[in-house]
Protein backbone atom coordinates (compact mmCIF):
# COMPACT_ATOMS: atom_id res chain seq x y z
CA MET A 1 -66.07 -14.17 111.07
CA LYS A 2 -66.09 -14.90 114.93
CA ASP A 3 -63.35 -16.88 114.90
CA HIS A 4 -62.03 -16.22 111.76
CA GLY A 5 -59.14 -13.68 112.43
CA ARG A 6 -57.80 -16.37 115.54
CA ASP A 7 -58.03 -19.67 113.58
CA LEU A 8 -56.03 -17.57 110.67
CA LEU A 9 -53.35 -16.12 113.28
CA THR A 10 -52.64 -19.78 114.61
CA GLU A 11 -51.66 -20.99 111.25
CA ARG A 12 -48.45 -18.11 111.51
CA THR A 13 -45.43 -19.12 111.94
CA SER A 14 -44.41 -17.76 115.42
CA MET A 15 -41.58 -15.61 116.22
CA THR A 16 -39.00 -16.29 118.52
CA GLN A 17 -40.43 -16.06 121.71
CA THR A 18 -38.11 -13.94 123.54
CA LYS A 19 -37.19 -10.47 123.09
CA ASP A 20 -33.31 -10.43 122.98
CA GLN A 21 -33.82 -13.03 120.37
CA ILE A 22 -36.19 -11.28 118.60
CA ALA A 23 -33.57 -8.10 119.04
CA LEU A 24 -30.97 -10.38 117.52
CA GLN A 25 -32.59 -11.43 114.60
CA LEU A 26 -33.75 -7.39 114.17
CA ALA A 27 -30.42 -6.61 114.21
CA ASP A 28 -29.13 -9.55 111.60
CA ALA A 29 -32.29 -7.99 109.40
CA GLY A 30 -30.46 -4.39 109.72
CA TYR A 31 -32.74 -2.98 112.54
CA ILE A 32 -30.89 -1.99 115.67
CA ALA A 33 -33.78 -2.10 118.36
CA ASP A 34 -33.96 -1.19 121.90
CA GLU A 35 -35.38 -3.86 124.54
CA GLY A 36 -38.85 -1.75 124.44
CA LEU A 37 -38.79 -2.05 120.90
CA ALA A 38 -37.96 -6.14 120.73
CA THR A 39 -40.42 -6.55 123.65
CA ALA A 40 -43.56 -4.63 121.83
CA LEU A 41 -42.73 -6.86 118.54
CA LEU A 42 -42.83 -10.20 120.37
CA LEU A 43 -46.55 -9.01 122.30
CA THR A 44 -47.91 -8.30 118.64
CA GLY A 45 -46.59 -11.49 117.75
CA MET A 46 -48.39 -13.16 120.36
CA LEU A 47 -51.37 -11.20 120.73
CA GLY A 48 -52.04 -10.52 117.25
CA ARG A 49 -52.45 -6.74 117.61
CA PRO A 50 -51.16 -3.88 115.36
CA LEU A 51 -48.48 -1.91 116.59
CA LEU A 52 -48.87 1.90 116.69
CA LEU A 53 -45.23 3.28 116.57
CA GLU A 54 -45.02 7.21 117.66
CA GLY A 55 -41.90 9.24 117.46
CA GLU A 56 -40.24 12.40 115.52
CA ALA A 57 -39.72 11.89 111.98
CA GLY A 58 -36.35 10.33 111.19
CA VAL A 59 -36.27 8.27 113.86
CA GLY A 60 -36.68 4.89 112.50
CA LYS A 61 -40.52 3.89 112.66
CA THR A 62 -41.10 2.84 108.82
CA GLU A 63 -37.48 0.92 109.06
CA VAL A 64 -38.69 -1.38 111.77
CA ALA A 65 -41.74 -2.81 109.16
CA LYS A 66 -39.14 -3.01 106.55
CA ALA A 67 -36.99 -4.78 109.24
CA LEU A 68 -39.87 -6.92 110.27
CA ALA A 69 -40.69 -8.35 106.61
CA ARG A 70 -37.24 -9.23 105.89
CA LEU A 71 -36.99 -11.34 109.21
CA GLU A 72 -40.26 -13.05 108.67
CA ASN A 73 -39.43 -13.27 104.88
CA THR A 74 -42.45 -12.06 103.73
CA ASP A 75 -43.71 -8.96 101.79
CA LEU A 76 -43.96 -5.44 102.79
CA ILE A 77 -47.39 -3.62 101.71
CA ARG A 78 -47.12 -0.09 102.50
CA LEU A 79 -50.05 2.39 102.68
CA GLN A 80 -48.70 5.90 102.57
CA CYS A 81 -51.42 8.12 104.46
CA TYR A 82 -52.07 11.46 103.28
CA GLU A 83 -54.63 14.30 103.93
CA GLY A 84 -57.66 12.84 101.37
CA LEU A 85 -57.02 9.63 101.56
CA ASP A 86 -59.89 7.45 101.13
CA ARG A 87 -61.31 4.12 100.44
CA SER A 88 -60.46 3.68 96.97
CA ASP A 89 -56.76 4.91 97.52
CA ALA A 90 -56.60 2.39 100.17
CA ILE A 91 -58.87 -0.68 99.56
CA TYR A 92 -59.88 -1.21 95.65
CA GLU A 93 -61.18 0.70 92.93
CA TRP A 94 -62.60 -0.43 89.54
CA ASN A 95 -60.56 -0.09 86.21
CA TYR A 96 -62.93 2.10 84.65
CA GLN A 97 -61.56 2.44 81.15
CA ARG A 98 -61.02 -1.58 81.20
CA GLN A 99 -64.84 -1.66 81.58
CA LEU A 100 -65.94 0.86 79.38
CA LEU A 101 -63.85 -0.89 76.74
CA ALA A 102 -65.29 -3.75 77.56
CA ILE A 103 -68.93 -2.75 77.73
CA LYS A 104 -68.68 -0.96 74.10
CA ALA A 105 -66.84 -4.25 72.63
CA ARG A 106 -70.26 -5.58 74.22
CA GLU A 107 -72.75 -3.36 72.30
CA GLY A 108 -75.06 -4.96 69.82
CA SER A 109 -73.91 -8.90 71.31
CA GLY A 110 -77.56 -9.13 72.54
CA ASP A 111 -76.87 -9.86 76.11
CA SER A 112 -78.81 -8.11 78.68
CA ALA A 113 -77.86 -5.45 80.89
CA ASP A 114 -77.67 -7.79 83.87
CA ALA A 115 -75.13 -9.85 82.12
CA VAL A 116 -73.20 -7.02 81.24
CA GLU A 117 -72.55 -5.60 84.48
CA GLU A 118 -71.80 -9.01 86.22
CA ALA A 119 -68.93 -9.52 83.39
CA VAL A 120 -67.76 -5.83 83.94
CA PHE A 121 -67.67 -5.80 87.83
CA SER A 122 -65.58 -9.10 88.22
CA GLU A 123 -62.42 -9.97 89.72
CA LYS A 124 -60.78 -9.34 85.76
CA TYR A 125 -61.66 -5.67 86.60
CA LEU A 126 -61.01 -5.43 90.35
CA LEU A 127 -57.48 -2.87 91.23
CA GLU A 128 -56.27 -3.94 94.54
CA ARG A 129 -54.93 -1.18 96.92
CA PRO A 130 -53.45 -1.70 99.81
CA LEU A 131 -55.44 -2.83 102.44
CA LEU A 132 -57.41 -5.42 100.34
CA ALA A 133 -53.98 -6.82 98.69
CA ALA A 134 -52.76 -7.60 102.26
CA ILE A 135 -55.52 -9.57 103.63
CA ARG A 136 -55.76 -11.70 100.08
CA ARG A 137 -52.00 -12.65 100.37
CA GLU A 138 -51.62 -16.64 100.71
CA GLU A 139 -48.86 -15.47 103.10
CA PRO A 140 -49.20 -13.26 105.63
CA PRO A 141 -47.86 -9.79 104.74
CA VAL A 142 -46.42 -7.31 106.90
CA LEU A 143 -48.75 -4.18 106.57
CA LEU A 144 -47.20 -0.84 107.19
CA ILE A 145 -49.37 1.83 107.60
CA ASP A 146 -47.38 4.64 107.27
CA GLU A 147 -48.12 8.30 108.92
CA ILE A 148 -51.45 7.72 109.94
CA ASP A 149 -51.74 10.73 111.78
CA ARG A 150 -51.37 12.46 108.01
CA ALA A 151 -54.93 11.12 107.01
CA ASP A 152 -58.18 12.23 108.55
CA GLU A 153 -60.67 11.34 111.11
CA GLU A 154 -63.01 9.93 108.82
CA PHE A 155 -60.64 7.39 107.63
CA GLU A 156 -58.91 6.58 110.89
CA ALA A 157 -62.69 5.39 111.82
CA PHE A 158 -62.96 3.14 108.88
CA LEU A 159 -59.49 1.36 109.43
CA LEU A 160 -60.72 0.52 112.97
CA GLU A 161 -63.02 -1.67 111.05
CA ILE A 162 -60.54 -2.93 108.70
CA LEU A 163 -58.35 -4.00 111.76
CA SER A 164 -61.28 -5.36 113.61
CA ASP A 165 -62.56 -7.58 111.29
CA PHE A 166 -60.04 -8.08 108.60
CA GLN A 167 -62.77 -8.58 105.93
CA VAL A 168 -63.67 -5.80 103.23
CA SER A 169 -67.11 -5.32 101.73
CA ILE A 170 -67.29 -4.75 97.79
CA PRO A 171 -70.95 -4.42 96.74
CA GLU A 172 -70.50 -5.66 93.81
CA LEU A 173 -68.89 -9.05 94.60
CA GLY A 174 -69.77 -9.13 98.36
CA THR A 175 -67.51 -9.66 101.44
CA VAL A 176 -64.04 -10.48 101.00
CA GLN A 177 -63.02 -12.15 104.22
CA ALA A 178 -58.88 -12.81 105.06
CA THR A 179 -57.19 -15.47 103.43
CA SER A 180 -54.54 -14.63 105.88
CA ILE A 181 -53.86 -11.69 108.71
CA PRO A 182 -51.22 -9.61 107.96
CA ARG A 183 -48.75 -7.96 111.02
CA VAL A 184 -49.66 -4.37 110.96
CA VAL A 185 -47.40 -1.59 111.99
CA LEU A 186 -48.81 1.84 111.90
CA THR A 187 -46.71 4.86 112.36
CA SER A 188 -47.43 8.45 113.97
CA ASN A 189 -45.26 11.51 113.69
CA GLY A 190 -47.61 13.22 116.21
CA THR A 191 -49.34 15.86 113.76
CA ARG A 192 -52.28 15.68 115.03
CA GLU A 193 -53.62 13.33 118.11
CA LEU A 194 -55.28 10.30 117.04
CA SER A 195 -58.68 8.64 118.63
CA ASP A 196 -58.75 7.19 121.74
CA ALA A 197 -59.93 4.04 119.40
CA LEU A 198 -57.68 3.42 117.54
CA ARG A 199 -54.88 3.67 120.49
CA ARG A 200 -57.10 0.79 122.41
CA ARG A 201 -57.09 -0.93 119.48
CA CYS A 202 -53.22 -1.40 119.16
CA LEU A 203 -50.37 -1.66 121.18
CA TYR A 204 -47.92 1.15 121.36
CA HIS A 205 -44.20 1.91 121.72
CA PHE A 206 -42.72 5.47 121.23
CA VAL A 207 -39.49 5.69 119.17
CA ASP A 208 -37.16 7.97 120.43
CA TYR A 209 -33.95 9.26 119.24
CA PRO A 210 -31.07 6.76 119.83
CA SER A 211 -28.64 6.89 122.59
CA PRO A 212 -25.30 7.08 121.17
CA ASP A 213 -24.18 3.66 121.94
CA ARG A 214 -27.42 2.55 119.78
CA GLU A 215 -26.86 4.93 117.28
CA ALA A 216 -23.16 4.02 116.98
CA ARG A 217 -24.19 0.03 116.39
CA ILE A 218 -26.64 1.40 113.83
CA LEU A 219 -23.82 3.52 111.98
CA LEU A 220 -21.38 0.25 112.01
CA SER A 221 -24.41 -2.05 110.71
CA ARG A 222 -25.44 0.47 107.96
CA VAL A 223 -22.15 2.41 106.62
CA PRO A 224 -19.09 -0.37 105.20
CA GLY A 225 -15.95 0.21 106.70
CA LEU A 226 -16.63 2.72 109.26
CA ASP A 227 -14.34 2.42 112.10
CA PRO A 228 -16.08 1.75 115.55
CA ALA A 229 -13.78 4.79 117.09
CA LEU A 230 -15.48 6.79 114.65
CA ALA A 231 -18.60 5.74 114.83
CA VAL A 232 -19.18 6.45 118.51
CA GLN A 233 -17.75 9.90 117.81
CA ILE A 234 -20.01 10.57 115.25
CA ALA A 235 -23.11 9.47 117.51
CA GLU A 236 -22.07 11.24 120.28
CA LEU A 237 -21.58 14.57 118.09
CA MET A 238 -25.15 13.97 116.81
CA GLY A 239 -26.62 13.50 120.06
CA LYS A 240 -25.07 17.05 121.54
CA LEU A 241 -26.17 18.23 118.61
CA ARG A 242 -29.98 17.65 118.68
CA LYS A 243 -29.77 19.29 122.03
CA GLU A 244 -29.22 22.35 120.31
CA ASP A 245 -32.07 24.62 119.94
CA LEU A 246 -33.03 23.44 116.00
CA VAL A 247 -35.78 24.00 113.82
CA LYS A 248 -35.55 20.79 112.43
CA VAL A 249 -33.94 17.88 114.20
CA PRO A 250 -31.92 15.77 112.23
CA GLY A 251 -32.58 11.46 112.53
CA VAL A 252 -31.14 8.63 112.27
CA ALA A 253 -31.17 8.69 108.42
CA GLU A 254 -29.11 12.15 108.54
CA THR A 255 -26.43 10.53 110.77
CA ILE A 256 -25.55 7.69 108.26
CA ASP A 257 -25.57 10.38 105.86
CA TRP A 258 -22.91 12.28 107.91
CA ALA A 259 -21.07 9.14 108.65
CA ALA A 260 -20.83 7.79 105.09
CA ALA A 261 -20.00 11.87 103.80
CA LEU A 262 -17.06 11.40 106.84
CA LEU A 263 -15.96 8.03 106.04
CA GLY A 264 -15.62 9.14 102.00
CA LEU A 265 -13.52 11.99 102.60
CA GLY A 266 -11.12 10.19 104.83
CA ALA A 267 -12.05 11.44 108.34
CA LYS A 268 -10.38 9.01 111.17
CA ASN A 269 -10.93 11.08 113.92
CA LEU A 270 -13.58 14.25 114.45
CA GLN A 271 -11.08 16.07 116.54
CA GLU A 272 -8.75 15.95 113.96
CA SER A 273 -11.31 16.66 110.97
CA ARG A 274 -12.67 19.95 112.52
CA GLU A 275 -13.05 21.88 109.53
CA LEU A 276 -14.45 18.76 107.67
CA VAL A 277 -16.97 18.41 110.60
CA PHE A 278 -18.28 21.85 109.78
CA GLU A 279 -18.41 21.43 105.86
CA THR A 280 -20.34 18.64 105.91
CA LEU A 281 -23.02 19.79 108.37
CA SER A 282 -25.47 20.08 105.09
CA CYS A 283 -25.49 16.40 105.58
CA VAL A 284 -27.52 16.96 109.03
CA LEU A 285 -28.78 20.60 109.05
CA LYS A 286 -31.87 20.94 106.57
CA THR A 287 -33.03 24.75 107.13
CA ARG A 288 -31.18 28.17 106.85
CA GLU A 289 -31.89 29.07 110.38
CA ASP A 290 -30.39 25.96 111.49
CA SER A 291 -27.00 26.37 109.28
CA ALA A 292 -26.73 30.00 110.48
CA ARG A 293 -27.33 28.50 114.05
CA VAL A 294 -24.79 25.89 114.20
CA SER A 295 -21.77 28.22 113.50
CA HIS A 296 -17.96 27.11 113.43
CA GLU A 297 -17.90 28.33 117.31
CA VAL A 298 -21.10 26.31 118.26
CA THR A 299 -19.36 23.40 116.28
CA ASP A 300 -16.11 23.34 118.10
CA ARG A 301 -18.08 23.99 121.14
CA LEU A 302 -19.85 20.41 120.70
CA LEU A 303 -16.80 18.90 119.29
CA GLY A 304 -14.69 19.66 122.67
CA LYS A 305 -17.75 17.54 124.72
CA VAL A 306 -17.07 14.66 122.08
CA ALA A 307 -14.10 12.25 123.29
């Protein structure tokens, strides 16, 4: 297995080798990336390393993997992490119900115990989970390991082994080596500190809230019919709203919802639609405390700073 991963890596169709072209390709795939992210994706393709994306919830980390899969015209395989996630949920498990039925059907057949065991512990009864599925695809997929910080440290250590060797040991079947090396993207919301070992294994990029200019471009790509001037106003207002003392800072998804709502309700200019802006704050404010904090007066103050 020493050179197996590198040999498979060289078989992969490489991405265009400039960050500007990658940014343009991502835009065509529906994701407006900044220069740092485009560079990080370029390097992951060149080096064959996983990419760890860290940042607040709602800044678009998961969307990076989705756009990358669209860009490379390949499958996206997603492992959603949570507390208590274990090997059977992440790699494989046996279809015990079908195995029991098969054993019952063989009763009285005269087959030896070894023969029955060999029959029921075969590929026919194996249930692939995301990690095993990702390394057995003929065409390398994008493997998204979402919110790795929600899994416990034991699973994180086990994941390191998978990402290093790209092989899985199944006691009943033996070692399954990768058919292809997936493009791996991990995301973290920072709810717990990740191990140094995992960070060293990955390339790293911090995904921050977008600048007003980039958020306006995101809105124009995701909200059909939105006027560019209105998109800029919404992005500027959202940037100022995020600087308020909020319990839950709204992400890009909330901005998109808000823009779609304002457009659908006929807003042309935020300065001329102040009451409508206030009435639609439910698109972006998600707690009782934040709704009470952003009053009419606060909304007018923020709108006063928007061109």
